[in-house]
């Protein structure tokens, strides 16, 4: 008896228990705005540097080396001093009409030599 009651309640709920909502009226949408470009990060080894550009290269397993060229502007901040060739760095860059501009260049300290084994 209880089984029949629950079956009836379930059947009534499935067939028409709640009315479907009316479709929402859509408002005219504003023109889509493109989001501001996100800063990107690139880590690797400095292969060339001068007053206007910084070239950083990294090797990815299974692929050849990837080289990236960044523009250096007066707004570029060097953390840890201006790097030299073969220094390990992480570059935060922003894409502009001129190209990829380095926003911040973080020079990573060289690894300390391992102590001699006895």
PDB file of N, CA and C in Angstrom:
ATOM      1  N   UNK A   1       0.813  -1.181   0.000  1.00  0.00           N
ATOM      2  CA  UNK A   1       0.000   0.000   0.000  1.00  0.00           C
ATOM      3  C   UNK A   1       0.868   1.261   0.000  1.00  0.00           C
ATOM      4  N   UNK A   2       1.871   1.293   0.895  1.00  0.00           N
ATOM      5  CA  UNK A   2       2.757   2.461   0.976  1.00  0.00           C
ATOM      6  C   UNK A   2       3.536   2.605  -0.323  1.00  0.00           C
ATOM      7  N   UNK A   3       3.898   1.475  -0.919  1.00  0.00           N
ATOM      8  CA  UNK A   3       4.640   1.495  -2.169  1.00  0.00           C
ATOM      9  C   UNK A   3       3.795   2.154  -3.257  1.00  0.00           C
ATOM     10  N   UNK A   4       2.537   1.867  -3.317  1.00  0.00           N
ATOM     11  CA  UNK A   4       1.654   2.459  -4.323  1.00  0.00           C
ATOM     12  C   UNK A   4       1.520   3.966  -4.123  1.00  0.00           C
ATOM     13  N   UNK A   5       1.442   4.407  -2.868  1.00  0.00           N
ATOM     14  CA  UNK A   5       1.316   5.836  -2.596  1.00  0.00           C
ATOM     15  C   UNK A   5       2.572   6.574  -3.062  1.00  0.00           C
ATOM     16  N   UNK A   6       3.743   6.032  -2.731  1.00  0.00           N
ATOM     17  CA  UNK A   6       5.001   6.669  -3.140  1.00  0.00           C
ATOM     18  C   UNK A   6       5.143   6.656  -4.658  1.00  0.00           C
ATOM     19  N   UNK A   7       4.720   5.601  -5.287  1.00  0.00           N
ATOM     20  CA  UNK A   7       4.781   5.532  -6.747  1.00  0.00           C
ATOM     21  C   UNK A   7       3.885   6.600  -7.366  1.00  0.00           C
ATOM     22  N   UNK A   8       2.694   6.790  -6.800  1.00  0.00           N
ATOM     23  CA  UNK A   8       1.774   7.805  -7.308  1.00  0.00           C
ATOM     24  C   UNK A   8       2.328   9.213  -7.131  1.00  0.00           C
ATOM     25  N   UNK A   9       2.929   9.472  -5.969  1.00  0.00           N
ATOM     26  CA  UNK A   9       3.510  10.793  -5.711  1.00  0.00           C
ATOM     27  C   UNK A   9       4.671  11.049  -6.675  1.00  0.00           C
ATOM     28  N   UNK A  10       5.509  10.071  -6.885  1.00  0.00           N
ATOM     29  CA  UNK A  10       6.642  10.198  -7.792  1.00  0.00           C
ATOM     30  C   UNK A  10       6.171  10.424  -9.213  1.00  0.00           C
ATOM     31  N   UNK A  11       5.154   9.684  -9.648  1.00  0.00           N
ATOM     32  CA  UNK A  11       4.622   9.828 -11.000  1.00  0.00           C
ATOM     33  C   UNK A  11       4.017  11.216 -11.194  1.00  0.00           C
ATOM     34  N   UNK A  12       3.287  11.719 -10.196  1.00  0.00           N
ATOM     35  CA  UNK A  12       2.690  13.045 -10.300  1.00  0.00           C
ATOM     36  C   UNK A  12       3.772  14.124 -10.374  1.00  0.00           C
ATOM     37  N   UNK A  13       4.855  13.952  -9.610  1.00  0.00           N
ATOM     38  CA  UNK A  13       5.941  14.933  -9.622  1.00  0.00           C
ATOM     39  C   UNK A  13       6.655  14.934 -10.967  1.00  0.00           C
ATOM     40  N   UNK A  14       6.843  13.765 -11.555  1.00  0.00           N
ATOM     41  CA  UNK A  14       7.542  13.675 -12.838  1.00  0.00           C
ATOM     42  C   UNK A  14       6.696  14.209 -13.989  1.00  0.00           C
ATOM     43  N   UNK A  15       5.416  14.002 -13.956  1.00  0.00           N
ATOM     44  CA  UNK A  15       4.567  14.383 -15.087  1.00  0.00           C
ATOM     45  C   UNK A  15       4.153  15.844 -15.070  1.00  0.00           C
ATOM     46  N   UNK A  16       4.101  16.471 -13.971  1.00  0.00           N
ATOM     47  CA  UNK A  16       3.650  17.858 -13.993  1.00  0.00           C
ATOM     48  C   UNK A  16       3.687  18.490 -12.645  1.00  0.00           C
ATOM     49  N   UNK A  17       4.641  18.118 -11.860  1.00  0.00           N
ATOM     50  CA  UNK A  17       4.704  18.639 -10.507  1.00  0.00           C
ATOM     51  C   UNK A  17       4.985  20.131 -10.453  1.00  0.00           C
ATOM     52  N   UNK A  18       5.854  20.619 -11.309  1.00  0.00           N
ATOM     53  CA  UNK A  18       6.174  22.038 -11.273  1.00  0.00           C
ATOM     54  C   UNK A  18       6.051  22.609 -12.676  1.00  0.00           C
ATOM     55  N   UNK A  19       5.473  23.778 -12.791  1.00  0.00           N
ATOM     56  CA  UNK A  19       5.371  24.373 -14.110  1.00  0.00           C
ATOM     57  C   UNK A  19       6.742  24.844 -14.586  1.00  0.00           C
ATOM     58  N   UNK A  20       6.940  24.784 -15.885  1.00  0.00           N
ATOM     59  CA  UNK A  20       8.235  25.217 -16.420  1.00  0.00           C
ATOM     60  C   UNK A  20       8.302  26.737 -16.392  1.00  0.00           C
ATOM     61  N   UNK A  21       9.451  27.273 -16.098  1.00  0.00           N
ATOM     62  CA  UNK A  21       9.568  28.730 -16.028  1.00  0.00           C
ATOM     63  C   UNK A  21       9.444  29.349 -17.413  1.00  0.00           C
ATOM     64  N   UNK A  22       8.941  30.571 -17.436  1.00  0.00           N
ATOM     65  CA  UNK A  22       8.827  31.280 -18.699  1.00  0.00           C
ATOM     66  C   UNK A  22      10.217  31.663 -19.180  1.00  0.00           C
ATOM     67  N   UNK A  23      10.416  31.674 -20.486  1.00  0.00           N
ATOM     68  CA  UNK A  23      11.744  32.059 -20.962  1.00  0.00           C
ATOM     69  C   UNK A  23      12.033  33.507 -20.588  1.00  0.00           C
ATOM     70  N   UNK A  24      13.219  33.734 -20.133  1.00  0.00           N
ATOM     71  CA  UNK A  24      13.611  35.074 -19.708  1.00  0.00           C
ATOM     72  C   UNK A  24      13.769  35.964 -20.932  1.00  0.00           C
ATOM     73  N   UNK A  25      13.301  37.182 -20.792  1.00  0.00           N
ATOM     74  CA  UNK A  25      13.451  38.112 -21.889  1.00  0.00           C
ATOM     75  C   UNK A  25      14.899  38.586 -21.903  1.00  0.00           C
ATOM     76  N   UNK A  26      15.439  38.597 -23.082  1.00  0.00           N
ATOM     77  CA  UNK A  26      16.834  38.999 -23.187  1.00  0.00           C
ATOM     78  C   UNK A  26      16.923  40.497 -23.442  1.00  0.00           C
ATOM     79  N   UNK A  27      17.821  41.112 -22.728  1.00  0.00           N
ATOM     80  CA  UNK A  27      18.059  42.528 -22.911  1.00  0.00           C
ATOM     81  C   UNK A  27      19.101  42.686 -24.009  1.00  0.00           C
ATOM     82  N   UNK A  28      19.045  43.787 -24.724  1.00  0.00           N
ATOM     83  CA  UNK A  28      20.090  43.984 -25.720  1.00  0.00           C
ATOM     84  C   UNK A  28      21.447  44.032 -25.032  1.00  0.00           C
ATOM     85  N   UNK A  29      22.364  43.246 -25.527  1.00  0.00           N
ATOM     86  CA  UNK A  29      23.665  43.156 -24.869  1.00  0.00           C
ATOM     87  C   UNK A  29      24.568  44.302 -25.302  1.00  0.00           C
ATOM     88  N   UNK A  30      25.401  44.691 -24.374  1.00  0.00           N
ATOM     89  CA  UNK A  30      26.378  45.733 -24.660  1.00  0.00           C
ATOM     90  C   UNK A  30      27.472  45.133 -25.536  1.00  0.00           C
ATOM     91  N   UNK A  31      28.153  45.935 -26.315  1.00  0.00           N
ATOM     92  CA  UNK A  31      29.226  45.384 -27.137  1.00  0.00           C
ATOM     93  C   UNK A  31      30.266  44.697 -26.260  1.00  0.00           C
ATOM     94  N   UNK A  32      30.747  43.568 -26.741  1.00  0.00           N
ATOM     95  CA  UNK A  32      31.704  42.792 -25.956  1.00  0.00           C
ATOM     96  C   UNK A  32      33.020  43.538 -25.858  1.00  0.00           C
ATOM     97  N   UNK A  33      33.554  43.564 -24.641  1.00  0.00           N
ATOM     98  CA  UNK A  33      34.843  44.188 -24.426  1.00  0.00           C
ATOM     99  C   UNK A  33      35.874  43.084 -24.273  1.00  0.00           C
ATOM    100  N   UNK A  34      36.980  43.249 -24.954  1.00  0.00           N
ATOM    101  CA  UNK A  34      38.049  42.266 -24.837  1.00  0.00           C
ATOM    102  C   UNK A  34      38.753  42.473 -23.509  1.00  0.00           C
ATOM    103  N   UNK A  35      39.040  41.376 -22.798  1.00  0.00           N
ATOM    104  CA  UNK A  35      39.747  41.531 -21.539  1.00  0.00           C
ATOM    105  C   UNK A  35      41.170  42.028 -21.788  1.00  0.00           C
ATOM    106  N   UNK A  36      41.698  42.717 -20.809  1.00  0.00           N
ATOM    107  CA  UNK A  36      43.078  43.193 -20.928  1.00  0.00           C
ATOM    108  C   UNK A  36      44.004  41.988 -21.008  1.00  0.00           C
ATOM    109  N   UNK A  37      45.064  42.060 -21.813  1.00  0.00           N
ATOM    110  CA  UNK A  37      45.954  40.907 -21.923  1.00  0.00           C
ATOM    111  C   UNK A  37      46.626  40.617 -20.586  1.00  0.00           C
ATOM    112  N   UNK A  38      46.706  39.352 -20.255  1.00  0.00           N
ATOM    113  CA  UNK A  38      47.326  38.949 -19.003  1.00  0.00           C
ATOM    114  C   UNK A  38      48.843  38.956 -19.158  1.00  0.00           C
ATOM    115  N   UNK A  39      49.510  39.242 -18.054  1.00  0.00           N
ATOM    116  CA  UNK A  39      50.957  39.139 -18.067  1.00  0.00           C
ATOM    117  C   UNK A  39      51.331  37.674 -18.227  1.00  0.00           C
ATOM    118  N   UNK A  40      52.435  37.449 -18.893  1.00  0.00           N
ATOM    119  CA  UNK A  40      52.910  36.095 -19.111  1.00  0.00           C
ATOM    120  C   UNK A  40      54.294  35.968 -18.487  1.00  0.00           C
ATOM    121  N   UNK A  41      54.703  34.742 -18.225  1.00  0.00           N
ATOM    122  CA  UNK A  41      55.999  34.489 -17.617  1.00  0.00           C
ATOM    123  C   UNK A  41      56.791  33.548 -18.504  1.00  0.00           C
ATOM    124  N   UNK A  42      58.098  33.771 -18.571  1.00  0.00           N
ATOM    125  CA  UNK A  42      58.990  32.913 -19.353  1.00  0.00           C
ATOM    126  C   UNK A  42      60.286  32.789 -18.575  1.00  0.00           C
ATOM    127  N   UNK A  43      60.703  31.570 -18.319  1.00  0.00           N
ATOM    128  CA  UNK A  43      61.940  31.323 -17.576  1.00  0.00           C
ATOM    129  C   UNK A  43      62.939  30.619 -18.467  1.00  0.00           C
ATOM    130  N   UNK A  44      64.208  30.960 -18.291  1.00  0.00           N
ATOM    131  CA  UNK A  44      65.242  30.313 -19.081  1.00  0.00           C
ATOM    132  C   UNK A  44      66.589  30.962 -18.838  1.00  0.00           C
ATOM    133  N   UNK A  45      67.474  30.803 -19.822  1.00  0.00           N
ATOM    134  CA  UNK A  45      68.836  31.310 -19.745  1.00  0.00           C
ATOM    135  C   UNK A  45      69.011  32.451 -20.729  1.00  0.00           C
ATOM    136  N   UNK A  46      69.644  33.525 -20.284  1.00  0.00           N
ATOM    137  CA  UNK A  46      69.890  34.678 -21.153  1.00  0.00           C
ATOM    138  C   UNK A  46      70.911  34.279 -22.215  1.00  0.00           C
ATOM    139  N   UNK A  47      70.552  34.482 -23.483  1.00  0.00           N
ATOM    140  CA  UNK A  47      71.485  34.197 -24.578  1.00  0.00           C
ATOM    141  C   UNK A  47      72.033  35.482 -25.185  1.00  0.00           C
ATOM    142  N   UNK A  48      71.317  36.598 -25.045  1.00  0.00           N
ATOM    143  CA  UNK A  48      71.798  37.887 -25.537  1.00  0.00           C
ATOM    144  C   UNK A  48      71.067  38.996 -24.795  1.00  0.00           C
ATOM    145  N   UNK A  49      71.777  40.093 -24.538  1.00  0.00           N
ATOM    146  CA  UNK A  49      71.162  41.239 -23.876  1.00  0.00           C
ATOM    147  C   UNK A  49      71.886  42.507 -24.321  1.00  0.00           C
ATOM    148  N   UNK A  50      71.111  43.550 -24.578  1.00  0.00           N
ATOM    149  CA  UNK A  50      71.663  44.878 -24.833  1.00  0.00           C
ATOM    150  C   UNK A  50      70.696  45.891 -24.233  1.00  0.00           C
ATOM    151  N   UNK A  51      70.848  47.158 -24.586  1.00  0.00           N
ATOM    152  CA  UNK A  51      70.013  48.192 -23.971  1.00  0.00           C
ATOM    153  C   UNK A  51      68.552  48.115 -24.390  1.00  0.00           C
ATOM    154  N   UNK A  52      68.259  47.513 -25.546  1.00  0.00           N
ATOM    155  CA  UNK A  52      66.887  47.512 -26.063  1.00  0.00           C
ATOM    156  C   UNK A  52      66.212  46.152 -26.031  1.00  0.00           C
ATOM    157  N   UNK A  53      66.970  45.054 -26.004  1.00  0.00           N
ATOM    158  CA  UNK A  53      66.361  43.724 -26.082  1.00  0.00           C
ATOM    159  C   UNK A  53      67.013  42.748 -25.108  1.00  0.00           C
ATOM    160  N   UNK A  54      66.234  41.731 -24.790  1.00  0.00           N
ATOM    161  CA  UNK A  54      66.689  40.630 -23.945  1.00  0.00           C
ATOM    162  C   UNK A  54      66.215  39.352 -24.621  1.00  0.00           C
ATOM    163  N   UNK A  55      67.126  38.424 -24.876  1.00  0.00           N
ATOM    164  CA  UNK A  55      66.774  37.157 -25.509  1.00  0.00           C
ATOM    165  C   UNK A  55      66.997  36.045 -24.493  1.00  0.00           C
ATOM    166  N   UNK A  56      65.939  35.267 -24.243  1.00  0.00           N
ATOM    167  CA  UNK A  56      65.984  34.186 -23.259  1.00  0.00           C
ATOM    168  C   UNK A  56      65.644  32.878 -23.973  1.00  0.00           C
ATOM    169  N   UNK A  57      66.382  31.823 -23.660  1.00  0.00           N
ATOM    170  CA  UNK A  57      66.179  30.523 -24.294  1.00  0.00           C
ATOM    171  C   UNK A  57      65.954  29.470 -23.223  1.00  0.00           C
ATOM    172  N   UNK A  58      65.075  28.511 -23.540  1.00  0.00           N
ATOM    173  CA  UNK A  58      64.891  27.370 -22.637  1.00  0.00           C
ATOM    174  C   UNK A  58      64.726  26.115 -23.465  1.00  0.00           C
ATOM    175  N   UNK A  59      65.084  24.995 -22.895  1.00  0.00           N
ATOM    176  CA  UNK A  59      64.975  23.713 -23.576  1.00  0.00           C
ATOM    177  C   UNK A  59      63.833  22.924 -22.961  1.00  0.00           C
ATOM    178  N   UNK A  60      62.951  22.432 -23.818  1.00  0.00           N
ATOM    179  CA  UNK A  60      61.819  21.634 -23.382  1.00  0.00           C
ATOM    180  C   UNK A  60      62.090  20.189 -23.766  1.00  0.00           C
ATOM    181  N   UNK A  61      61.855  19.281 -22.844  1.00  0.00           N
ATOM    182  CA  UNK A  61      62.114  17.871 -23.081  1.00  0.00           C
ATOM    183  C   UNK A  61      61.352  17.385 -24.305  1.00  0.00           C
ATOM    184  N   UNK A  62      62.026  16.792 -25.240  1.00  0.00           N
ATOM    185  CA  UNK A  62      61.391  16.255 -26.443  1.00  0.00           C
ATOM    186  C   UNK A  62      61.264  17.267 -27.560  1.00  0.00           C
ATOM    187  N   UNK A  63      61.670  18.503 -27.315  1.00  0.00           N
ATOM    188  CA  UNK A  63      61.618  19.548 -28.333  1.00  0.00           C
ATOM    189  C   UNK A  63      62.956  20.264 -28.364  1.00  0.00           C
ATOM    190  N   UNK A  64      63.136  21.071 -29.360  1.00  0.00           N
ATOM    191  CA  UNK A  64      64.344  21.869 -29.445  1.00  0.00           C
ATOM    192  C   UNK A  64      64.250  23.063 -28.521  1.00  0.00           C
ATOM    193  N   UNK A  65      65.289  23.874 -28.483  1.00  0.00           N
ATOM    194  CA  UNK A  65      65.246  25.055 -27.623  1.00  0.00           C
ATOM    195  C   UNK A  65      64.215  26.066 -28.112  1.00  0.00           C
ATOM    196  N   UNK A  66      63.586  26.741 -27.161  1.00  0.00           N
ATOM    197  CA  UNK A  66      62.608  27.787 -27.456  1.00  0.00           C
ATOM    198  C   UNK A  66      63.265  29.111 -27.074  1.00  0.00           C
ATOM    199  N   UNK A  67      63.301  30.035 -28.024  1.00  0.00           N
ATOM    200  CA  UNK A  67      63.933  31.317 -27.782  1.00  0.00           C
ATOM    201  C   UNK A  67      62.878  32.409 -27.829  1.00  0.00           C
ATOM    202  N   UNK A  68      62.947  33.338 -26.888  1.00  0.00           N
ATOM    203  CA  UNK A  68      61.958  34.407 -26.814  1.00  0.00           C
ATOM    204  C   UNK A  68      62.686  35.742 -26.688  1.00  0.00           C
ATOM    205  N   UNK A  69      62.265  36.721 -27.494  1.00  0.00           N
ATOM    206  CA  UNK A  69      62.898  38.043 -27.490  1.00  0.00           C
ATOM    207  C   UNK A  69      61.963  39.048 -26.820  1.00  0.00           C
ATOM    208  N   UNK A  70      62.488  39.799 -25.858  1.00  0.00           N
ATOM    209  CA  UNK A  70      61.710  40.780 -25.121  1.00  0.00           C
ATOM    210  C   UNK A  70      62.292  42.166 -25.351  1.00  0.00           C
ATOM    211  N   UNK A  71      61.422  43.163 -25.421  1.00  0.00           N
ATOM    212  CA  UNK A  71      61.858  44.548 -25.522  1.00  0.00           C
ATOM    213  C   UNK A  71      62.090  45.086 -24.117  1.00  0.00           C
ATOM    214  N   UNK A  72      63.157  45.834 -23.942  1.00  0.00           N
ATOM    215  CA  UNK A  72      63.452  46.462 -22.655  1.00  0.00           C
ATOM    216  C   UNK A  72      63.071  47.929 -22.775  1.00  0.00           C
ATOM    217  N   UNK A  73      62.223  48.383 -21.865  1.00  0.00           N
ATOM    218  CA  UNK A  73      61.772  49.771 -21.852  1.00  0.00           C
ATOM    219  C   UNK A  73      62.264  50.442 -20.574  1.00  0.00           C
ATOM    220  N   UNK A  74      62.116  51.750 -20.475  1.00  0.00           N
ATOM    221  CA  UNK A  74      62.494  52.410 -19.213  1.00  0.00           C
ATOM    222  C   UNK A  74      61.668  51.922 -18.023  1.00  0.00           C
ATOM    223  N   UNK A  75      60.492  51.361 -18.271  1.00  0.00           N
ATOM    224  CA  UNK A  75      59.646  50.857 -17.186  1.00  0.00           C
ATOM    225  C   UNK A  75      60.035  49.450 -16.741  1.00  0.00           C
ATOM    226  N   UNK A  76      60.943  48.785 -17.458  1.00  0.00           N
ATOM    227  CA  UNK A  76      61.358  47.427 -17.096  1.00  0.00           C
ATOM    228  C   UNK A  76      62.110  47.463 -15.768  1.00  0.00           C
ATOM    229  N   UNK A  77      61.673  46.603 -14.835  1.00  0.00           N
ATOM    230  CA  UNK A  77      62.296  46.530 -13.513  1.00  0.00           C
ATOM    231  C   UNK A  77      63.175  45.286 -13.453  1.00  0.00           C
ATOM    232  N   UNK A  78      64.450  45.484 -13.095  1.00  0.00           N
ATOM    233  CA  UNK A  78      65.377  44.362 -12.953  1.00  0.00           C
ATOM    234  C   UNK A  78      65.539  44.055 -11.477  1.00  0.00           C
ATOM    235  N   UNK A  79      65.135  42.859 -11.081  1.00  0.00           N
ATOM    236  CA  UNK A  79      65.266  42.423  -9.686  1.00  0.00           C
ATOM    237  C   UNK A  79      66.516  41.565  -9.584  1.00  0.00           C
ATOM    238  N   UNK A  80      67.455  41.980  -8.769  1.00  0.00           N
ATOM    239  CA  UNK A  80      68.712  41.249  -8.652  1.00  0.00           C
ATOM    240  C   UNK A  80      69.756  41.785  -9.610  1.00  0.00           C
ATOM    241  N   UNK A  81      69.537  42.968 -10.173  1.00  0.00           N
ATOM    242  CA  UNK A  81      70.499  43.567 -11.096  1.00  0.00           C
ATOM    243  C   UNK A  81      70.251  43.131 -12.530  1.00  0.00           C
ATOM    244  N   UNK A  82      70.882  43.837 -13.449  1.00  0.00           N
ATOM    245  CA  UNK A  82      70.739  43.506 -14.867  1.00  0.00           C
ATOM    246  C   UNK A  82      71.512  42.215 -15.137  1.00  0.00           C
ATOM    247  N   UNK A  83      70.838  41.214 -15.714  1.00  0.00           N
ATOM    248  CA  UNK A  83      71.496  39.918 -15.896  1.00  0.00           C
ATOM    249  C   UNK A  83      72.554  39.946 -16.998  1.00  0.00           C
ATOM    250  N   UNK A  84      73.415  38.976 -16.962  1.00  0.00           N
ATOM    251  CA  UNK A  84      74.448  38.809 -17.983  1.00  0.00           C
ATOM    252  C   UNK A  84      74.126  37.554 -18.782  1.00  0.00           C
ATOM    253  N   UNK A  85      74.828  37.372 -19.872  1.00  0.00           N
ATOM    254  CA  UNK A  85      74.646  36.176 -20.695  1.00  0.00           C
ATOM    255  C   UNK A  85      74.931  34.941 -19.843  1.00  0.00           C
ATOM    256  N   UNK A  86      74.140  33.910 -20.020  1.00  0.00           N
ATOM    257  CA  UNK A  86      74.172  32.621 -19.300  1.00  0.00           C
ATOM    258  C   UNK A  86      73.563  32.692 -17.909  1.00  0.00           C
ATOM    259  N   UNK A  87      72.972  33.832 -17.543  1.00  0.00           N
ATOM    260  CA  UNK A  87      72.293  33.926 -16.252  1.00  0.00           C
ATOM    261  C   UNK A  87      70.891  33.330 -16.383  1.00  0.00           C
ATOM    262  N   UNK A  88      70.410  32.726 -15.320  1.00  0.00           N
ATOM    263  CA  UNK A  88      69.057  32.172 -15.300  1.00  0.00           C
ATOM    264  C   UNK A  88      68.110  33.273 -14.845  1.00  0.00           C
ATOM    265  N   UNK A  89      67.007  33.464 -15.596  1.00  0.00           N
ATOM    266  CA  UNK A  89      66.067  34.539 -15.295  1.00  0.00           C
ATOM    267  C   UNK A  89      64.638  34.073 -15.473  1.00  0.00           C
ATOM    268  N   UNK A  90      63.724  34.796 -14.863  1.00  0.00           N
ATOM    269  CA  UNK A  90      62.289  34.672 -15.109  1.00  0.00           C
ATOM    270  C   UNK A  90      61.825  36.053 -15.538  1.00  0.00           C
ATOM    271  N   UNK A  91      61.131  36.108 -16.679  1.00  0.00           N
ATOM    272  CA  UNK A  91      60.693  37.377 -17.237  1.00  0.00           C
ATOM    273  C   UNK A  91      59.179  37.436 -17.210  1.00  0.00           C
ATOM    274  N   UNK A  92      58.646  38.505 -16.630  1.00  0.00           N
ATOM    275  CA  UNK A  92      57.210  38.780 -16.724  1.00  0.00           C
ATOM    276  C   UNK A  92      57.054  39.777 -17.853  1.00  0.00           C
ATOM    277  N   UNK A  93      56.235  39.415 -18.847  1.00  0.00           N
ATOM    278  CA  UNK A  93      56.104  40.290 -20.008  1.00  0.00           C
ATOM    279  C   UNK A  93      54.648  40.561 -20.328  1.00  0.00           C
ATOM    280  N   UNK A  94      54.428  41.648 -21.049  1.00  0.00           N
ATOM    281  CA  UNK A  94      53.097  42.022 -21.513  1.00  0.00           C
ATOM    282  C   UNK A  94      53.191  42.246 -23.020  1.00  0.00           C
ATOM    283  N   UNK A  95      52.184  41.780 -23.740  1.00  0.00           N
ATOM    284  CA  UNK A  95      52.170  41.928 -25.184  1.00  0.00           C
ATOM    285  C   UNK A  95      51.633  43.307 -25.548  1.00  0.00           C
ATOM    286  N   UNK A  96      52.367  44.014 -26.382  1.00  0.00           N
ATOM    287  CA  UNK A  96      51.957  45.327 -26.865  1.00  0.00           C
ATOM    288  C   UNK A  96      52.010  45.325 -28.380  1.00  0.00           C
ATOM    289  N   UNK A  97      51.668  46.445 -28.981  1.00  0.00           N
ATOM    290  CA  UNK A  97      51.706  46.548 -30.440  1.00  0.00           C
ATOM    291  C   UNK A  97      53.137  46.413 -30.963  1.00  0.00           C
ATOM    292  N   UNK A  98      54.121  46.854 -30.185  1.00  0.00           N
ATOM    293  CA  UNK A  98      55.518  46.776 -30.612  1.00  0.00           C
ATOM    294  C   UNK A  98      56.092  45.370 -30.470  1.00  0.00           C
ATOM    295  N   UNK A  99      55.519  44.566 -29.599  1.00  0.00           N
ATOM    296  CA  UNK A  99      56.014  43.218 -29.333  1.00  0.00           C
ATOM    297  C   UNK A  99      55.874  42.904 -27.858  1.00  0.00           C
ATOM    298  N   UNK A 100      56.598  41.894 -27.404  1.00  0.00           N
ATOM    299  CA  UNK A 100      56.560  41.498 -25.996  1.00  0.00           C
ATOM    300  C   UNK A 100      57.536  42.357 -25.208  1.00  0.00           C
ATOM    301  N   UNK A 101      57.003  43.147 -24.293  1.00  0.00           N
ATOM    302  CA  UNK A 101      57.826  44.036 -23.462  1.00  0.00           C
ATOM    303  C   UNK A 101      58.053  43.388 -22.107  1.00  0.00           C
ATOM    304  N   UNK A 102      59.308  43.382 -21.680  1.00  0.00           N
ATOM    305  CA  UNK A 102      59.645  42.853 -20.363  1.00  0.00           C
ATOM    306  C   UNK A 102      59.181  43.853 -19.315  1.00  0.00           C
ATOM    307  N   UNK A 103      58.327  43.410 -18.397  1.00  0.00           N
ATOM    308  CA  UNK A 103      57.840  44.257 -17.314  1.00  0.00           C
ATOM    309  C   UNK A 103      58.768  44.115 -16.111  1.00  0.00           C
ATOM    310  N   UNK A 104      59.129  42.873 -15.791  1.00  0.00           N
ATOM    311  CA  UNK A 104      60.011  42.595 -14.658  1.00  0.00           C
ATOM    312  C   UNK A 104      60.921  41.425 -15.028  1.00  0.00           C
ATOM    313  N   UNK A 105      62.195  41.580 -14.732  1.00  0.00           N
ATOM    314  CA  UNK A 105      63.176  40.524 -14.991  1.00  0.00           C
ATOM    315  C   UNK A 105      63.775  40.137 -13.649  1.00  0.00           C
ATOM    316  N   UNK A 106      63.582  38.881 -13.263  1.00  0.00           N
ATOM    317  CA  UNK A 106      64.088  38.387 -11.981  1.00  0.00           C
ATOM    318  C   UNK A 106      65.273  37.484 -12.256  1.00  0.00           C
ATOM    319  N   UNK A 107      66.454  37.913 -11.826  1.00  0.00           N
ATOM    320  CA  UNK A 107      67.664  37.106 -11.988  1.00  0.00           C
ATOM    321  C   UNK A 107      67.748  36.128 -10.826  1.00  0.00           C
ATOM    322  N   UNK A 108      67.882  34.862 -11.151  1.00  0.00           N
ATOM    323  CA  UNK A 108      67.998  33.850 -10.104  1.00  0.00           C
ATOM    324  C   UNK A 108      69.461  33.662  -9.751  1.00  0.00           C
ATOM    325  N   UNK A 109      69.762  33.513  -8.467  1.00  0.00           N
ATOM    326  CA  UNK A 109      71.169  33.352  -8.088  1.00  0.00           C
ATOM    327  C   UNK A 109      71.726  32.035  -8.616  1.00  0.00           C
ATOM    328  N   UNK A 110      73.017  32.065  -8.905  1.00  0.00           N
ATOM    329  CA  UNK A 110      73.679  30.856  -9.373  1.00  0.00           C
ATOM    330  C   UNK A 110      73.692  29.824  -8.257  1.00  0.00           C
ATOM    331  N   UNK A 111      73.594  28.569  -8.624  1.00  0.00           N
ATOM    332  CA  UNK A 111      73.611  27.495  -7.635  1.00  0.00           C
ATOM    333  C   UNK A 111      74.990  27.407  -6.982  1.00  0.00           C
ATOM    334  N   UNK A 112      74.999  27.188  -5.684  1.00  0.00           N
ATOM    335  CA  UNK A 112      76.262  27.051  -4.969  1.00  0.00           C
ATOM    336  C   UNK A 112      76.918  25.737  -5.370  1.00  0.00           C
ATOM    337  N   UNK A 113      78.221  25.714  -5.491  1.00  0.00           N
ATOM    338  CA  UNK A 113      78.893  24.462  -5.856  1.00  0.00           C
ATOM    339  C   UNK A 113      78.710  23.419  -4.749  1.00  0.00           C
ATOM    340  N   UNK A 114      78.585  22.196  -5.170  1.00  0.00           N
ATOM    341  CA  UNK A 114      78.397  21.100  -4.218  1.00  0.00           C
ATOM    342  C   UNK A 114      79.695  20.890  -3.436  1.00  0.00           C
ATOM    343  N   UNK A 115      79.573  20.566  -2.137  1.00  0.00           N
ATOM    344  CA  UNK A 115      80.788  20.311  -1.348  1.00  0.00           C
ATOM    345  C   UNK A 115      81.473  19.022  -1.839  1.00  0.00           C
ATOM    346  N   UNK A 116      82.772  18.957  -1.731  1.00  0.00           N
ATOM    347  CA  UNK A 116      83.476  17.746  -2.195  1.00  0.00           C
ATOM    348  C   UNK A 116      83.098  16.541  -1.349  1.00  0.00           C
ATOM    349  N   UNK A 117      83.018  15.399  -2.018  1.00  0.00           N
ATOM    350  CA  UNK A 117      82.679  14.144  -1.301  1.00  0.00           C
ATOM    351  C   UNK A 117      83.936  13.584  -0.666  1.00  0.00           C
ATOM    352  N   UNK A 118      83.745  12.953   0.469  1.00  0.00           N
ATOM    353  CA  UNK A 118      84.883  12.342   1.177  1.00  0.00           C
ATOM    354  C   UNK A 118      85.002  10.898   0.848  1.00  0.00           C
TER     355      UNK A 118
END
